Amino acid sequence: MSLPEDELEKYEQAGKIAREIREEIRKTVKEGMPIIDICEKVEGMTREKGGKPAFPCNVSINDVAAHYTSPPNDIQTIPEKAVVKVDIGVHINGYIADTATTICFDPEYDSMVQTAEEALAHAVEILRPGLSITRFGSEIQKKIKTRGFKPVSNLTGHLIRRYIIHAGKSLPNVFNLSASRLREGEIYGVEPFVTEPDAAGRIDNLKEEYIFRYQKNKSLKNPYAKQILSYIKKNFLTLPFTERWLTKFMSNSNYKSAFAELLKSKAVMGYPVFVEESRKTVAQAEYSILIEKDGCRVLT
């Protein structure tokens, strides 16, 4: 079933904004640059262009594969010879575009970054209604291994629905037996993750969490926690957020205990930072892609 025209228009609008920001940020990121400046620039540009961030800008460096965004007052900077993955999410009224690029300051990793881009280009060539998810993963794995690198086996692309970034259906970057097939009208964040040939090829969770999401209503003792949760629900709905977007609450001495209660009660969940298990460098490339009658359309 094809996507209704009004929905497609919003996805395309979000996609255009995300694409423009991705290309601009490739020229902006420099060694020594504060990570928080990159995050805030991406999120600020999103708002200036008429969208809203679908999630906090991710800036994941070297062996960190995903889910790092600057916490408030972050002092980290881009190291020399870094491999920097910038993941950008834009939404228009809940219609999400998700895209990522890798900026490489070490020529040693240029071919790995290029492999991620080639794997994504190959995905665009083969995506169509009826394609099995098993076949897709096998094709991407083959493309990456042919170039002498290794796909990250437990990071996948994902179905996107309104206000839901990960909507249940996954697109693996390795062979994976599945009865699922792609359907016309579905939108996916397609994102090959590539690492070094001698890497474990899997990600591990760190204990740090800098990205959060509203999960469910809970009975809260702390009145300030109730106030913060109400703000989160109203402003972010089911989409991820960062504490940087809660600065209006932070001057209150009760903030830390209130936010801790939201996490402990599971009213809010955190996303752990993902790191490659053997601490090897990871590259990523991502587009949001619409499955159409005779193939696919890149939205970002």
C-alpha atoms as a PDB file:
ATOM      1  CA  MET A   1       0.000   0.000   0.000  1.00  0.00           C
ATOM      2  CA  SER A   2       1.463   3.355  -1.018  1.00  0.00           C
ATOM      3  CA  LEU A   3       1.961   6.186   1.452  1.00  0.00           C
ATOM      4  CA  PRO A   4      -0.803   8.847   1.553  1.00  0.00           C
ATOM      5  CA  GLU A   5       0.285  12.020  -0.258  1.00  0.00           C
ATOM      6  CA  ASP A   6      -0.004  14.298   2.802  1.00  0.00           C
ATOM      7  CA  GLU A   7       2.226  11.972   4.854  1.00  0.00           C
ATOM      8  CA  LEU A   8       4.768  11.658   2.051  1.00  0.00           C
ATOM      9  CA  GLU A   9       4.965  15.441   1.817  1.00  0.00           C
ATOM     10  CA  LYS A  10       5.903  15.715   5.506  1.00  0.00           C
ATOM     11  CA  TYR A  11       8.461  12.890   5.269  1.00  0.00           C
ATOM     12  CA  GLU A  12      10.017  14.601   2.247  1.00  0.00           C
ATOM     13  CA  GLN A  13      10.106  17.949   4.045  1.00  0.00           C
ATOM     14  CA  ALA A  14      11.809  16.373   7.077  1.00  0.00           C
ATOM     15  CA  GLY A  15      14.157  14.500   4.738  1.00  0.00           C
ATOM     16  CA  LYS A  16      15.186  17.663   2.912  1.00  0.00           C
ATOM     17  CA  ILE A  17      16.022  19.396   6.190  1.00  0.00           C
ATOM     18  CA  ALA A  18      18.001  16.383   7.448  1.00  0.00           C
ATOM     19  CA  ARG A  19      19.915  16.095   4.157  1.00  0.00           C
ATOM     20  CA  GLU A  20      20.839  19.796   4.133  1.00  0.00           C
ATOM     21  CA  ILE A  21      22.072  19.619   7.728  1.00  0.00           C
ATOM     22  CA  ARG A  22      24.061  16.435   7.052  1.00  0.00           C
ATOM     23  CA  GLU A  23      25.890  18.048   4.141  1.00  0.00           C
ATOM     24  CA  GLU A  24      26.499  21.275   6.074  1.00  0.00           C
ATOM     25  CA  ILE A  25      27.820  19.474   9.158  1.00  0.00           C
ATOM     26  CA  ARG A  26      30.312  17.500   7.052  1.00  0.00           C
ATOM     27  CA  LYS A  27      31.984  20.846   6.306  1.00  0.00           C
ATOM     28  CA  THR A  28      31.658  22.128   9.886  1.00  0.00           C
ATOM     29  CA  VAL A  29      33.116  19.384  12.094  1.00  0.00           C
ATOM     30  CA  LYS A  30      36.823  19.897  12.871  1.00  0.00           C
ATOM     31  CA  GLU A  31      39.408  18.300  15.146  1.00  0.00           C
ATOM     32  CA  GLY A  32      39.400  20.026  18.541  1.00  0.00           C
ATOM     33  CA  MET A  33      35.798  21.205  18.175  1.00  0.00           C
ATOM     34  CA  PRO A  34      33.602  20.868  21.295  1.00  0.00           C
ATOM     35  CA  ILE A  35      31.098  18.045  20.781  1.00  0.00           C
ATOM     36  CA  ILE A  36      28.367  20.096  22.435  1.00  0.00           C
ATOM     37  CA  ASP A  37      28.809  22.756  19.731  1.00  0.00           C
ATOM     38  CA  ILE A  38      28.124  20.157  17.028  1.00  0.00           C
ATOM     39  CA  CYS A  39      25.037  18.834  18.838  1.00  0.00           C
ATOM     40  CA  GLU A  40      23.617  22.293  19.417  1.00  0.00           C
ATOM     41  CA  LYS A  41      24.388  23.435  15.864  1.00  0.00           C
ATOM     42  CA  VAL A  42      22.551  20.437  14.360  1.00  0.00           C
ATOM     43  CA  GLU A  43      19.560  20.837  16.668  1.00  0.00           C
ATOM     44  CA  GLY A  44      19.484  24.616  16.165  1.00  0.00           C
ATOM     45  CA  MET A  45      19.609  24.294  12.365  1.00  0.00           C
ATOM     46  CA  THR A  46      16.767  21.777  12.543  1.00  0.00           C
ATOM     47  CA  ARG A  47      14.543  24.313  14.298  1.00  0.00           C
ATOM     48  CA  GLU A  48      15.655  27.202  12.069  1.00  0.00           C
ATOM     49  CA  LYS A  49      14.679  25.223   8.964  1.00  0.00           C
ATOM     50  CA  GLY A  50      11.176  24.544  10.303  1.00  0.00           C
ATOM     51  CA  GLY A  51      11.588  21.072  11.782  1.00  0.00           C
ATOM     52  CA  LYS A  52      12.095  19.674  15.265  1.00  0.00           C
ATOM     53  CA  PRO A  53      14.795  17.256  16.426  1.00  0.00           C
ATOM     54  CA  ALA A  54      13.458  13.681  16.292  1.00  0.00           C
ATOM     55  CA  PHE A  55      16.198  12.763  18.759  1.00  0.00           C
ATOM     56  CA  PRO A  56      19.280  14.474  20.190  1.00  0.00           C
ATOM     57  CA  CYS A  57      22.115  14.771  17.687  1.00  0.00           C
ATOM     58  CA  ASN A  58      24.459  11.789  18.155  1.00  0.00           C
ATOM     59  CA  VAL A  59      28.204  12.430  17.847  1.00  0.00           C
ATOM     60  CA  SER A  60      29.894   9.057  18.276  1.00  0.00           C
ATOM     61  CA  ILE A  61      33.686   8.887  18.028  1.00  0.00           C
ATOM     62  CA  ASN A  62      35.977   6.010  17.013  1.00  0.00           C
ATOM     63  CA  ASP A  63      34.886   2.831  18.864  1.00  0.00           C
ATOM     64  CA  VAL A  64      31.700   4.491  20.153  1.00  0.00           C
ATOM     65  CA  ALA A  65      29.107   3.312  17.634  1.00  0.00           C
ATOM     66  CA  ALA A  66      25.983   5.223  18.668  1.00  0.00           C
ATOM     67  CA  HIS A  67      23.967   7.012  21.372  1.00  0.00           C
ATOM     68  CA  TYR A  68      26.498   9.601  22.498  1.00  0.00           C
ATOM     69  CA  THR A  69      25.107  13.099  22.736  1.00  0.00           C
ATOM     70  CA  SER A  70      26.561  15.860  24.859  1.00  0.00           C
ATOM     71  CA  PRO A  71      25.192  16.103  28.387  1.00  0.00           C
ATOM     72  CA  PRO A  72      24.813  19.625  29.815  1.00  0.00           C
ATOM     73  CA  ASN A  73      28.180  21.406  30.137  1.00  0.00           C
ATOM     74  CA  ASP A  74      30.015  18.690  28.175  1.00  0.00           C
ATOM     75  CA  ILE A  75      33.731  19.508  27.834  1.00  0.00           C
ATOM     76  CA  GLN A  76      34.663  16.724  25.398  1.00  0.00           C
ATOM     77  CA  THR A  77      36.133  17.708  22.039  1.00  0.00           C
ATOM     78  CA  ILE A  78      36.797  15.939  18.741  1.00  0.00           C
ATOM     79  CA  PRO A  79      40.214  14.250  19.115  1.00  0.00           C
ATOM     80  CA  GLU A  80      42.897  14.360  16.451  1.00  0.00           C
ATOM     81  CA  LYS A  81      42.630  11.611  13.809  1.00  0.00           C
ATOM     82  CA  ALA A  82      39.091  10.809  14.946  1.00  0.00           C
ATOM     83  CA  VAL A  83      36.415   8.912  13.041  1.00  0.00           C
ATOM     84  CA  VAL A  84      33.259  10.877  13.834  1.00  0.00           C
ATOM     85  CA  LYS A  85      29.732   9.587  13.228  1.00  0.00           C
ATOM     86  CA  VAL A  86      27.026  12.268  13.248  1.00  0.00           C
ATOM     87  CA  ASP A  87      23.451  10.939  13.384  1.00  0.00           C
ATOM     88  CA  ILE A  88      20.677  13.458  12.702  1.00  0.00           C
ATOM     89  CA  GLY A  89      16.925  13.134  13.274  1.00  0.00           C
ATOM     90  CA  VAL A  90      14.308  15.603  12.058  1.00  0.00           C
ATOM     91  CA  HIS A  91      10.542  15.434  12.337  1.00  0.00           C
ATOM     92  CA  ILE A  92       7.649  17.420  10.937  1.00  0.00           C
ATOM     93  CA  ASN A  93       4.575  16.779  13.076  1.00  0.00           C
ATOM     94  CA  GLY A  94       5.950  13.346  14.012  1.00  0.00           C
ATOM     95  CA  TYR A  95       6.988  12.304  10.483  1.00  0.00           C
ATOM     96  CA  ILE A  96      10.647  11.385  10.952  1.00  0.00           C
ATOM     97  CA  ALA A  97      13.756  11.539   8.788  1.00  0.00           C
ATOM     98  CA  ASP A  98      16.882   9.840  10.142  1.00  0.00           C
ATOM     99  CA  THR A  99      20.289  10.167   8.472  1.00  0.00           C
ATOM    100  CA  ALA A 100      23.938   9.762   9.421  1.00  0.00           C
ATOM    101  CA  THR A 101      27.392  10.370   8.020  1.00  0.00           C
ATOM    102  CA  THR A 102      30.952   9.576   9.079  1.00  0.00           C
ATOM    103  CA  ILE A 103      33.614  12.292   8.995  1.00  0.00           C
ATOM    104  CA  CYS A 104      37.125  10.843   8.968  1.00  0.00           C
ATOM    105  CA  PHE A 105      40.259  12.687  10.096  1.00  0.00           C
ATOM    106  CA  ASP A 106      42.540   9.643   9.767  1.00  0.00           C
ATOM    107  CA  PRO A 107      43.345   8.457   6.220  1.00  0.00           C
ATOM    108  CA  GLU A 108      43.889   4.938   7.608  1.00  0.00           C
ATOM    109  CA  TYR A 109      40.105   4.614   7.956  1.00  0.00           C
ATOM    110  CA  ASP A 110      39.042   6.251   4.680  1.00  0.00           C
ATOM    111  CA  SER A 111      38.368   2.912   2.992  1.00  0.00           C
ATOM    112  CA  MET A 112      36.263   1.728   5.939  1.00  0.00           C
ATOM    113  CA  VAL A 113      34.136   4.880   5.759  1.00  0.00           C
ATOM    114  CA  GLN A 114      33.819   4.427   1.997  1.00  0.00           C
ATOM    115  CA  THR A 115      32.717   0.816   2.548  1.00  0.00           C
ATOM    116  CA  ALA A 116      29.843   1.959   4.778  1.00  0.00           C
ATOM    117  CA  GLU A 117      28.777   4.404   2.050  1.00  0.00           C
ATOM    118  CA  GLU A 118      29.037   1.719  -0.648  1.00  0.00           C
ATOM    119  CA  ALA A 119      26.986  -0.708   1.452  1.00  0.00           C
ATOM    120  CA  LEU A 120      24.300   1.970   1.794  1.00  0.00           C
ATOM    121  CA  ALA A 121      24.386   2.636  -1.965  1.00  0.00           C
ATOM    122  CA  HIS A 122      23.979  -1.106  -2.568  1.00  0.00           C
ATOM    123  CA  ALA A 123      20.987  -1.143  -0.218  1.00  0.00           C
ATOM    124  CA  VAL A 124      19.356   1.565  -2.354  1.00  0.00           C
ATOM    125  CA  GLU A 125      19.900  -0.612  -5.440  1.00  0.00           C
ATOM    126  CA  ILE A 126      18.229  -3.714  -3.993  1.00  0.00           C
ATOM    127  CA  LEU A 127      15.435  -2.386  -1.733  1.00  0.00           C
ATOM    128  CA  ARG A 128      11.980  -3.142  -3.150  1.00  0.00           C
ATOM    129  CA  PRO A 129       8.643  -4.589  -2.013  1.00  0.00           C
ATOM    130  CA  GLY A 130       8.851  -8.316  -1.368  1.00  0.00           C
ATOM    131  CA  LEU A 131      12.594  -8.370  -0.671  1.00  0.00           C
ATOM    132  CA  SER A 132      13.205 -10.719   2.236  1.00  0.00           C
ATOM    133  CA  ILE A 133      15.000  -9.346   5.270  1.00  0.00           C
ATOM    134  CA  THR A 134      17.183 -12.464   5.194  1.00  0.00           C
ATOM    135  CA  ARG A 135      18.330 -11.642   1.645  1.00  0.00           C
ATOM    136  CA  PHE A 136      18.895  -7.994   2.511  1.00  0.00           C
ATOM    137  CA  GLY A 137      21.198  -8.797   5.451  1.00  0.00           C
ATOM    138  CA  SER A 138      23.094 -11.346   3.389  1.00  0.00           C
ATOM    139  CA  GLU A 139      23.670  -8.826   0.572  1.00  0.00           C
ATOM    140  CA  ILE A 140      24.924  -6.091   2.909  1.00  0.00           C
ATOM    141  CA  GLN A 141      27.218  -8.494   4.763  1.00  0.00           C
ATOM    142  CA  LYS A 142      28.688  -9.732   1.472  1.00  0.00           C
ATOM    143  CA  LYS A 143      29.273  -6.164   0.239  1.00  0.00           C
ATOM    144  CA  ILE A 144      31.127  -5.205   3.421  1.00  0.00           C
ATOM    145  CA  LYS A 145      33.197  -8.394   3.682  1.00  0.00           C
ATOM    146  CA  THR A 146      34.193  -8.211   0.008  1.00  0.00           C
ATOM    147  CA  ARG A 147      35.882  -4.902   0.836  1.00  0.00           C
ATOM    148  CA  GLY A 148      37.821  -6.561   3.673  1.00  0.00           C
ATOM    149  CA  PHE A 149      35.804  -5.209   6.597  1.00  0.00           C
ATOM    150  CA  LYS A 150      33.270  -6.555   9.066  1.00  0.00           C
ATOM    151  CA  PRO A 151      29.624  -5.522   9.588  1.00  0.00           C
ATOM    152  CA  VAL A 152      28.464  -4.839  13.133  1.00  0.00           C
ATOM    153  CA  SER A 153      26.083  -7.746  13.646  1.00  0.00           C
ATOM    154  CA  ASN A 154      23.855  -6.405  16.425  1.00  0.00           C
ATOM    155  CA  LEU A 155      23.201  -2.919  15.056  1.00  0.00           C
ATOM    156  CA  THR A 156      20.426  -2.777  12.489  1.00  0.00           C
ATOM    157  CA  GLY A 157      18.366  -0.499  10.323  1.00  0.00           C
ATOM    158  CA  HIS A 158      14.801   0.012  11.481  1.00  0.00           C
ATOM    159  CA  LEU A 159      11.236   0.622  10.409  1.00  0.00           C
ATOM    160  CA  ILE A 160      10.099   4.210  11.052  1.00  0.00           C
ATOM    161  CA  ARG A 161       6.535   5.219  11.894  1.00  0.00           C
ATOM    162  CA  ARG A 162       5.007   8.485  12.989  1.00  0.00           C
ATOM    163  CA  TYR A 163       6.561   9.510  16.318  1.00  0.00           C
ATOM    164  CA  ILE A 164       8.346   6.125  16.510  1.00  0.00           C
ATOM    165  CA  ILE A 165      11.980   5.879  15.387  1.00  0.00           C
ATOM    166  CA  HIS A 166      12.358   2.136  15.977  1.00  0.00           C
ATOM    167  CA  ALA A 167       8.970   0.712  15.020  1.00  0.00           C
ATOM    168  CA  GLY A 168       9.669  -2.982  15.554  1.00  0.00           C
ATOM    169  CA  LYS A 169      10.919  -4.287  12.208  1.00  0.00           C
ATOM    170  CA  SER A 170      14.701  -4.463  11.762  1.00  0.00           C
ATOM    171  CA  LEU A 171      17.009  -4.472   8.733  1.00  0.00           C
ATOM    172  CA  PRO A 172      20.138  -6.402   9.768  1.00  0.00           C
ATOM    173  CA  ASN A 173      23.546  -5.813   8.232  1.00  0.00           C
ATOM    174  CA  VAL A 174      24.349  -9.544   8.380  1.00  0.00           C
ATOM    175  CA  PHE A 175      22.665 -12.774   7.317  1.00  0.00           C
ATOM    176  CA  ASN A 176      19.751 -13.375   9.674  1.00  0.00           C
ATOM    177  CA  LEU A 177      16.945 -15.872   9.117  1.00  0.00           C
ATOM    178  CA  SER A 178      13.626 -14.029   9.027  1.00  0.00           C
ATOM    179  CA  ALA A 179      10.212 -14.612   7.489  1.00  0.00           C
ATOM    180  CA  SER A 180       9.667 -10.845   7.124  1.00  0.00           C
ATOM    181  CA  ARG A 181       9.651  -9.050   3.797  1.00  0.00           C
ATOM    182  CA  LEU A 182       9.603  -5.391   2.845  1.00  0.00           C
ATOM    183  CA  ARG A 183       6.258  -3.837   1.981  1.00  0.00           C
ATOM    184  CA  GLU A 184       5.337  -0.916  -0.236  1.00  0.00           C
ATOM    185  CA  GLY A 185       4.783   2.258   1.788  1.00  0.00           C
ATOM    186  CA  GLU A 186       7.172   1.313   4.604  1.00  0.00           C
ATOM    187  CA  ILE A 187       9.937   3.724   5.587  1.00  0.00           C
ATOM    188  CA  TYR A 188      13.246   2.499   6.980  1.00  0.00           C
ATOM    189  CA  GLY A 189      16.323   4.028   8.486  1.00  0.00           C
ATOM    190  CA  VAL A 190      18.870   1.973   6.538  1.00  0.00           C
ATOM    191  CA  GLU A 191      22.259   2.136   8.261  1.00  0.00           C
ATOM    192  CA  PRO A 192      25.224  -0.142   7.633  1.00  0.00           C
ATOM    193  CA  PHE A 193      27.731  -0.088  10.498  1.00  0.00           C
ATOM    194  CA  VAL A 194      31.221  -1.226   9.501  1.00  0.00           C
ATOM    195  CA  THR A 195      34.228  -2.067  11.652  1.00  0.00           C
ATOM    196  CA  GLU A 196      37.739  -3.440  11.313  1.00  0.00           C
ATOM    197  CA  PRO A 197      38.264  -7.024  10.071  1.00  0.00           C
ATOM    198  CA  ASP A 198      39.773  -8.194  13.374  1.00  0.00           C
ATOM    199  CA  ALA A 199      37.028  -6.591  15.497  1.00  0.00           C
ATOM    200  CA  ALA A 200      34.427  -8.541  17.465  1.00  0.00           C
ATOM    201  CA  GLY A 201      31.814  -7.019  15.159  1.00  0.00           C
ATOM    202  CA  ARG A 202      29.302  -6.527  17.976  1.00  0.00           C
ATOM    203  CA  ILE A 203      28.385  -3.621  20.204  1.00  0.00           C
ATOM    204  CA  ASP A 204      28.336  -3.556  23.973  1.00  0.00           C
ATOM    205  CA  ASN A 205      26.403  -1.231  26.297  1.00  0.00           C
ATOM    206  CA  LEU A 206      28.319   1.224  28.430  1.00  0.00           C
ATOM    207  CA  LYS A 207      26.798   2.273  31.750  1.00  0.00           C
ATOM    208  CA  GLU A 208      26.559   5.927  30.659  1.00  0.00           C
ATOM    209  CA  GLU A 209      23.193   7.179  29.379  1.00  0.00           C
ATOM    210  CA  TYR A 210      22.764  10.625  27.830  1.00  0.00           C
ATOM    211  CA  ILE A 211      19.625  10.060  25.736  1.00  0.00           C
ATOM    212  CA  PHE A 212      16.234   9.374  27.329  1.00  0.00           C
ATOM    213  CA  ARG A 213      12.631   8.718  26.398  1.00  0.00           C
ATOM    214  CA  TYR A 214       9.254   8.887  28.128  1.00  0.00           C
ATOM    215  CA  GLN A 215       8.066   5.339  28.779  1.00  0.00           C
ATOM    216  CA  LYS A 216       4.937   5.304  30.949  1.00  0.00           C
ATOM    217  CA  ASN A 217       2.996   7.145  33.617  1.00  0.00           C
ATOM    218  CA  LYS A 218       4.047   6.245  37.135  1.00  0.00           C
ATOM    219  CA  SER A 219       2.979   7.237  40.616  1.00  0.00           C
ATOM    220  CA  LEU A 220       5.696   9.703  41.641  1.00  0.00           C
ATOM    221  CA  LYS A 221       6.364  10.982  45.165  1.00  0.00           C
ATOM    222  CA  ASN A 222       8.427  13.995  44.157  1.00  0.00           C
ATOM    223  CA  PRO A 223       6.173  16.852  42.934  1.00  0.00           C
ATOM    224  CA  TYR A 224       9.062  18.281  40.907  1.00  0.00           C
ATOM    225  CA  ALA A 225       9.488  14.907  39.170  1.00  0.00           C
ATOM    226  CA  LYS A 226       5.799  15.079  38.217  1.00  0.00           C
ATOM    227  CA  GLN A 227       6.328  18.549  36.772  1.00  0.00           C
ATOM    228  CA  ILE A 228       9.334  17.447  34.699  1.00  0.00           C
ATOM    229  CA  LEU A 229       7.510  14.345  33.441  1.00  0.00           C
ATOM    230  CA  SER A 230       4.554  16.456  32.369  1.00  0.00           C
ATOM    231  CA  TYR A 231       6.920  18.704  30.381  1.00  0.00           C
ATOM    232  CA  ILE A 232       8.626  15.697  28.762  1.00  0.00           C
ATOM    233  CA  LYS A 233       5.304  14.153  27.696  1.00  0.00           C
ATOM    234  CA  LYS A 234       3.998  17.426  26.300  1.00  0.00           C
ATOM    235  CA  ASN A 235       7.141  18.406  24.400  1.00  0.00           C
ATOM    236  CA  PHE A 236       8.726  15.131  23.263  1.00  0.00           C
ATOM    237  CA  LEU A 237       5.885  12.576  23.359  1.00  0.00           C
ATOM    238  CA  THR A 238       7.431   9.200  22.430  1.00  0.00           C
ATOM    239  CA  LEU A 239      10.613  10.702  20.937  1.00  0.00           C
ATOM    240  CA  PRO A 240      14.031  10.667  22.649  1.00  0.00           C
ATOM    241  CA  PHE A 241      15.400  13.738  24.402  1.00  0.00           C
ATOM    242  CA  THR A 242      18.511  14.939  26.224  1.00  0.00           C
ATOM    243  CA  GLU A 243      18.892  16.655  29.578  1.00  0.00           C
ATOM    244  CA  ARG A 244      20.239  19.638  27.607  1.00  0.00           C
ATOM    245  CA  TRP A 245      16.607  20.243  26.611  1.00  0.00           C
ATOM    246  CA  LEU A 246      15.541  20.416  30.273  1.00  0.00           C
ATOM    247  CA  THR A 247      17.731  23.359  31.294  1.00  0.00           C
ATOM    248  CA  LYS A 248      14.718  25.367  32.517  1.00  0.00           C
ATOM    249  CA  PHE A 249      14.422  22.855  35.380  1.00  0.00           C
ATOM    250  CA  MET A 250      18.104  22.487  36.243  1.00  0.00           C
ATOM    251  CA  SER A 251      18.505  25.589  38.372  1.00  0.00           C
ATOM    252  CA  ASN A 252      16.155  24.017  40.931  1.00  0.00           C
ATOM    253  CA  SER A 253      18.041  22.191  43.702  1.00  0.00           C
ATOM    254  CA  ASN A 254      15.530  19.318  43.461  1.00  0.00           C
ATOM    255  CA  TYR A 255      16.316  18.607  39.784  1.00  0.00           C
ATOM    256  CA  LYS A 256      18.845  15.781  40.233  1.00  0.00           C
ATOM    257  CA  SER A 257      16.744  13.817  42.710  1.00  0.00           C
ATOM    258  CA  ALA A 258      13.602  14.390  40.617  1.00  0.00           C
ATOM    259  CA  PHE A 259      15.214  13.146  37.391  1.00  0.00           C
ATOM    260  CA  ALA A 260      16.719  10.179  39.257  1.00  0.00           C
ATOM    261  CA  GLU A 261      13.210   9.252  40.431  1.00  0.00           C
ATOM    262  CA  LEU A 262      11.922   9.359  36.835  1.00  0.00           C
ATOM    263  CA  LEU A 263      14.599   6.846  35.841  1.00  0.00           C
ATOM    264  CA  LYS A 264      14.238   4.627  38.917  1.00  0.00           C
ATOM    265  CA  SER A 265      10.449   4.443  38.503  1.00  0.00           C
ATOM    266  CA  LYS A 266      10.889   3.655  34.775  1.00  0.00           C
ATOM    267  CA  ALA A 267       8.635   6.568  33.849  1.00  0.00           C
ATOM    268  CA  VAL A 268      11.647   7.554  31.732  1.00  0.00           C
ATOM    269  CA  MET A 269      14.130   5.122  30.186  1.00  0.00           C
ATOM    270  CA  GLY A 270      17.738   5.766  29.197  1.00  0.00           C
ATOM    271  CA  TYR A 271      19.620   4.617  26.109  1.00  0.00           C
ATOM    272  CA  PRO A 272      23.114   3.338  26.959  1.00  0.00           C
ATOM    273  CA  VAL A 273      26.049   4.478  24.867  1.00  0.00           C
ATOM    274  CA  PHE A 274      26.979   1.740  22.367  1.00  0.00           C
ATOM    275  CA  VAL A 275      30.657   0.825  21.999  1.00  0.00           C
ATOM    276  CA  GLU A 276      32.284  -1.798  19.763  1.00  0.00           C
ATOM    277  CA  GLU A 277      32.943  -4.809  21.972  1.00  0.00           C
ATOM    278  CA  SER A 278      36.659  -5.098  21.126  1.00  0.00           C
ATOM    279  CA  ARG A 279      37.049  -1.289  21.118  1.00  0.00           C
ATOM    280  CA  LYS A 280      37.675  -1.119  17.369  1.00  0.00           C
ATOM    281  CA  THR A 281      36.677   1.876  15.260  1.00  0.00           C
ATOM    282  CA  VAL A 282      33.224   1.944  13.639  1.00  0.00           C
ATOM    283  CA  ALA A 283      31.931   3.804  10.556  1.00  0.00           C
ATOM    284  CA  GLN A 284      28.266   4.414   9.706  1.00  0.00           C
ATOM    285  CA  ALA A 285      26.193   5.684   6.796  1.00  0.00           C
ATOM    286  CA  GLU A 286      22.410   6.126   6.898  1.00  0.00           C
ATOM    287  CA  TYR A 287      19.489   7.270   4.782  1.00  0.00           C
ATOM    288  CA  SER A 288      15.763   7.201   5.410  1.00  0.00           C
ATOM    289  CA  ILE A 289      14.252   5.243   2.539  1.00  0.00           C
ATOM    290  CA  LEU A 290      10.666   4.771   1.339  1.00  0.00           C
ATOM    291  CA  ILE A 291       9.774   1.411  -0.213  1.00  0.00           C
ATOM    292  CA  GLU A 292       7.882   2.146  -3.444  1.00  0.00           C
ATOM    293  CA  LYS A 293       6.046  -0.025  -5.967  1.00  0.00           C
ATOM    294  CA  ASP A 294       9.057  -0.626  -8.220  1.00  0.00           C
ATOM    295  CA  GLY A 295      11.953  -0.016  -5.845  1.00  0.00           C
ATOM    296  CA  CYS A 296      12.683   2.683  -3.302  1.00  0.00           C
ATOM    297  CA  ARG A 297      13.077   6.423  -2.820  1.00  0.00           C
ATOM    298  CA  VAL A 298      15.812   8.040  -0.731  1.00  0.00           C
ATOM    299  CA  LEU A 299      14.207  10.693   1.477  1.00  0.00           C
ATOM    300  CA  THR A 300      17.419  12.061   2.982  1.00  0.00           C
END
